N, C-alpha and C. Protein backbone atom coordinates (compact mmCIF):
# COMPACT_ATOMS: atom_id res chain seq x y z
N UNK A 1 -16.83 15.01 7.72
CA UNK A 1 -16.66 15.98 5.96
C UNK A 1 -17.42 15.16 4.75
N UNK A 2 -16.63 13.55 5.29
CA UNK A 2 -16.98 12.27 4.70
C UNK A 2 -18.77 11.88 4.86
N UNK A 3 -18.61 11.71 6.15
CA UNK A 3 -20.36 11.80 6.31
C UNK A 3 -20.57 11.92 6.20
N UNK A 4 -21.35 13.64 5.85
CA UNK A 4 -21.68 15.11 5.31
C UNK A 4 -22.24 14.50 3.66
N UNK A 5 -20.99 14.34 2.84
CA UNK A 5 -21.35 14.55 1.42
C UNK A 5 -21.77 13.13 1.08
N UNK A 6 -21.88 12.06 1.80
CA UNK A 6 -22.25 10.79 1.53
C UNK A 6 -23.80 11.57 1.50
N UNK A 7 -24.20 11.66 2.94
CA UNK A 7 -25.40 11.90 3.31
C UNK A 7 -26.33 12.16 2.81
N UNK A 8 -26.21 13.27 2.17
CA UNK A 8 -26.33 14.48 0.95
C UNK A 8 -26.22 14.19 -0.48
N UNK A 9 -25.82 12.80 0.09
CA UNK A 9 -25.53 12.29 -1.99
C UNK A 9 -24.41 13.37 -2.57
N UNK A 10 -23.15 13.96 -1.91
CA UNK A 10 -22.03 14.39 -2.96
C UNK A 10 -21.37 13.49 -3.44
N UNK A 11 -21.01 13.17 -3.90
CA UNK A 11 -18.93 12.59 -4.83
C UNK A 11 -18.07 13.67 -3.21
N UNK A 12 -18.09 12.51 -2.66
CA UNK A 12 -16.60 12.84 -2.24
C UNK A 12 -15.36 13.72 -2.50
N UNK A 13 -15.02 13.08 -3.59
CA UNK A 13 -14.11 13.63 -4.06
C UNK A 13 -14.52 15.07 -4.60
N UNK A 14 -15.23 15.27 -4.56
CA UNK A 14 -15.69 16.61 -5.33
C UNK A 14 -16.70 16.85 -3.94
N UNK A 15 -16.95 17.15 -3.57
CA UNK A 15 -16.48 17.44 -1.73
C UNK A 15 -15.32 17.97 -1.59
N UNK A 16 -14.39 17.11 -1.24
CA UNK A 16 -13.35 17.66 -0.38
C UNK A 16 -12.43 18.45 -1.71
N UNK A 17 -12.67 18.91 -2.87
CA UNK A 17 -11.66 19.05 -3.38
C UNK A 17 -12.67 20.75 -3.29
N UNK A 18 -13.66 20.11 -3.84
CA UNK A 18 -14.68 22.17 -3.28
C UNK A 18 -14.45 23.17 -2.58
N UNK A 19 -14.64 22.24 -1.18
CA UNK A 19 -14.35 23.03 0.08
C UNK A 19 -13.26 22.56 1.00
N UNK A 20 -12.08 22.07 0.59
CA UNK A 20 -10.94 21.72 0.99
C UNK A 20 -9.88 23.11 1.46
N UNK A 21 -10.42 25.07 0.80
CA UNK A 21 -9.92 25.43 0.59
C UNK A 21 -10.16 26.28 2.07
N UNK A 22 -11.16 26.20 2.72
CA UNK A 22 -12.22 26.81 4.13
C UNK A 22 -11.35 25.87 5.19
N UNK A 23 -11.02 24.18 5.01
CA UNK A 23 -10.55 24.23 6.45
C UNK A 23 -9.17 24.34 6.51
N UNK A 24 -8.09 24.56 5.13
CA UNK A 24 -6.54 23.37 5.19
C UNK A 24 -6.39 24.52 4.09
N UNK A 25 -4.77 24.02 4.31
CA UNK A 25 -3.32 24.87 3.19
C UNK A 25 -3.41 24.00 2.69
N UNK A 26 -3.92 24.21 0.50
CA UNK A 26 -3.51 23.32 0.35
C UNK A 26 -2.54 22.25 -0.64
N UNK A 27 -1.66 22.60 -0.32
CA UNK A 27 -0.19 22.09 0.19
C UNK A 27 -0.22 21.61 0.43
N UNK A 28 -0.94 20.70 1.63
CA UNK A 28 -1.08 19.73 2.50
C UNK A 28 -1.60 18.76 2.16
N UNK A 29 -2.42 18.71 0.87
CA UNK A 29 -2.52 18.15 0.09
C UNK A 29 -1.88 17.07 -0.50
N UNK A 30 -1.47 18.06 -1.08
CA UNK A 30 -0.75 17.95 -2.88
C UNK A 30 0.99 17.34 -1.96
N UNK A 31 0.83 16.42 -1.94
CA UNK A 31 2.22 15.25 -1.81
C UNK A 31 2.85 14.90 -2.90
N UNK A 32 4.14 15.86 -2.38
CA UNK A 32 4.94 14.87 -4.01
C UNK A 32 5.10 13.83 -4.54
N UNK A 33 5.29 12.67 -3.95
CA UNK A 33 5.23 11.56 -4.14
C UNK A 33 3.61 10.97 -4.61
N UNK A 34 3.16 11.55 -4.76
CA UNK A 34 2.01 11.47 -5.74
C UNK A 34 1.63 12.69 -6.29
N UNK A 35 2.12 12.98 -7.26
CA UNK A 35 2.13 13.50 -7.43
C UNK A 35 3.35 12.86 -8.91
N UNK A 36 4.02 12.90 -8.02
CA UNK A 36 5.33 12.01 -9.17
C UNK A 36 5.35 10.79 -10.04
N UNK A 37 4.38 10.47 -9.23
CA UNK A 37 2.65 9.20 -9.28
C UNK A 37 2.32 8.93 -10.48
N UNK A 38 1.15 10.22 -10.47
CA UNK A 38 0.09 10.38 -10.76
C UNK A 38 0.81 11.22 -12.74
N UNK A 39 2.15 11.71 -12.78
CA UNK A 39 2.79 12.33 -13.66
C UNK A 39 3.63 10.27 -14.34
N UNK A 40 4.50 9.58 -13.43
CA UNK A 40 5.11 8.75 -14.07
C UNK A 40 3.43 7.94 -14.63
N UNK A 41 2.60 7.59 -14.34
CA UNK A 41 1.43 6.75 -14.86
C UNK A 41 0.71 7.39 -16.17
N UNK A 42 0.85 8.76 -16.11
CA UNK A 42 0.45 9.95 -16.75
C UNK A 42 1.46 8.99 -18.16
N UNK A 43 2.80 9.58 -17.89
CA UNK A 43 3.60 9.73 -18.83
C UNK A 43 3.98 7.71 -19.56
N UNK A 44 3.33 7.19 -18.51
CA UNK A 44 3.59 5.58 -19.23
C UNK A 44 2.24 5.67 -20.24
N UNK A 45 1.44 5.40 -19.44
CA UNK A 45 -0.27 5.30 -20.11
C UNK A 45 0.23 6.43 -22.02
N UNK A 46 0.53 7.20 -22.00
CA UNK A 46 1.32 8.24 -22.72
C UNK A 46 1.67 8.04 -24.22
N UNK A 47 3.03 7.38 -23.47
CA UNK A 47 3.81 6.89 -24.57
C UNK A 47 4.09 5.37 -24.44
N UNK A 48 2.86 4.43 -23.84
CA UNK A 48 2.76 2.76 -24.02
C UNK A 48 4.42 2.68 -23.47
N UNK A 49 4.05 3.51 -22.35
CA UNK A 49 5.53 1.78 -22.25
C UNK A 49 5.36 1.71 -21.05
N UNK A 50 5.20 0.85 -20.55
CA UNK A 50 5.22 -0.13 -18.90
C UNK A 50 5.92 0.80 -18.02
N UNK A 51 5.51 0.53 -16.63
CA UNK A 51 6.82 0.89 -15.88
C UNK A 51 7.73 -0.39 -15.00
N UNK A 52 6.99 -1.12 -15.65
CA UNK A 52 8.16 -2.22 -15.49
C UNK A 52 7.59 -3.03 -16.05
N UNK A 53 9.28 -3.90 -15.47
CA UNK A 53 9.66 -5.02 -16.96
C UNK A 53 8.35 -6.08 -16.63
N UNK A 54 7.62 -7.12 -16.04
CA UNK A 54 6.21 -7.88 -16.49
C UNK A 54 5.21 -7.37 -14.98
N UNK A 55 4.64 -8.32 -15.60
CA UNK A 55 3.61 -8.26 -13.97
C UNK A 55 4.01 -9.19 -12.72
N UNK A 56 4.78 -10.02 -12.56
CA UNK A 56 5.30 -10.60 -11.85
C UNK A 56 6.18 -9.82 -10.88
N UNK A 57 7.28 -8.43 -11.89
CA UNK A 57 7.74 -7.44 -11.55
C UNK A 57 7.14 -6.28 -10.51
N UNK A 58 5.61 -6.45 -11.04
CA UNK A 58 5.40 -4.71 -10.79
C UNK A 58 4.13 -5.31 -9.36
N UNK A 59 4.51 -4.31 -8.21
CA UNK A 59 4.12 -4.59 -7.03
C UNK A 59 2.27 -4.47 -7.09
N UNK A 60 1.90 -4.94 -5.72
CA UNK A 60 0.22 -5.25 -6.71
C UNK A 60 -0.26 -3.82 -5.63
N UNK A 61 0.72 -2.84 -4.71
CA UNK A 61 0.28 -1.65 -4.51
C UNK A 61 0.35 -0.30 -5.40
N UNK A 62 1.51 -0.67 -6.37
CA UNK A 62 1.73 0.14 -7.73
C UNK A 62 0.39 -0.24 -8.56
N UNK A 63 -0.12 -1.63 -9.30
CA UNK A 63 -1.64 -1.76 -9.18
C UNK A 63 -2.66 -0.76 -8.99
N UNK A 64 -2.92 -1.50 -7.50
CA UNK A 64 -3.97 -0.54 -6.89
C UNK A 64 -3.46 1.08 -7.00
N UNK A 65 -2.97 1.69 -7.36
CA UNK A 65 -3.14 2.88 -7.42
C UNK A 65 -2.99 3.22 -8.32
N UNK A 66 -2.70 2.29 -9.28
CA UNK A 66 -2.90 3.03 -10.50
C UNK A 66 -3.82 2.92 -11.11
N UNK A 67 -5.28 1.92 -10.77
CA UNK A 67 -6.35 2.45 -11.10
C UNK A 67 -7.43 3.22 -10.27
N UNK A 68 -6.96 2.74 -9.25
CA UNK A 68 -7.12 4.38 -7.95
C UNK A 68 -7.45 5.64 -8.99
N UNK A 69 -5.91 5.88 -9.15
CA UNK A 69 -5.56 7.06 -9.79
C UNK A 69 -6.74 7.39 -11.39
N UNK A 70 -5.72 5.98 -12.25
CA UNK A 70 -7.18 6.42 -13.31
C UNK A 70 -8.51 6.41 -12.98
N UNK A 71 -8.96 5.88 -12.35
CA UNK A 71 -10.45 6.27 -12.27
C UNK A 71 -11.64 7.50 -11.58
N UNK A 72 -9.83 8.27 -10.12
CA UNK A 72 -10.13 9.31 -10.75
C UNK A 72 -10.40 10.57 -11.72
N UNK A 73 -9.35 10.14 -12.64
CA UNK A 73 -9.04 10.81 -13.34
C UNK A 73 -9.84 11.00 -14.74
N UNK A 74 -10.51 10.17 -14.75
CA UNK A 74 -11.50 9.52 -15.29
C UNK A 74 -12.37 10.38 -15.33
N UNK A 75 -12.96 10.08 -14.02
CA UNK A 75 -14.25 10.79 -12.77
C UNK A 75 -13.72 12.22 -13.28
N UNK A 76 -12.81 12.76 -12.99
CA UNK A 76 -13.51 14.61 -12.94
C UNK A 76 -12.92 14.45 -14.58
N UNK A 77 -12.47 14.31 -15.17
CA UNK A 77 -12.40 14.44 -16.97
C UNK A 77 -14.42 14.09 -17.33
N UNK A 78 -14.47 14.00 -16.83
CA UNK A 78 -16.71 12.90 -17.25
C UNK A 78 -17.55 14.09 -16.51
N UNK A 79 -16.65 15.28 -15.76
CA UNK A 79 -17.77 15.46 -14.35
C UNK A 79 -18.80 15.36 -13.54
N UNK A 80 -17.72 14.16 -12.83
CA UNK A 80 -18.66 13.19 -11.38
C UNK A 80 -18.09 13.08 -11.08
N UNK A 81 -17.31 13.90 -10.28
CA UNK A 81 -16.44 14.19 -9.46
C UNK A 81 -16.39 15.73 -8.89
């Protein structure tokens, strides 16, 4: 599906979102740990409270996930996904 989306010029996230119901149970895609992470990031942004004490204590994995989630949400809200 990834290759088909890329070849035909579709956004991969959009293609997966629109077609996933045809080939899988959506509950398999919605892992609770990622839902919790998304909620935590949104809460942190809305309340302007950091999730970690400082940058030294913030795991690199969390920073990567933050930017990925932020970009995906932004693109989805702008209709680009």
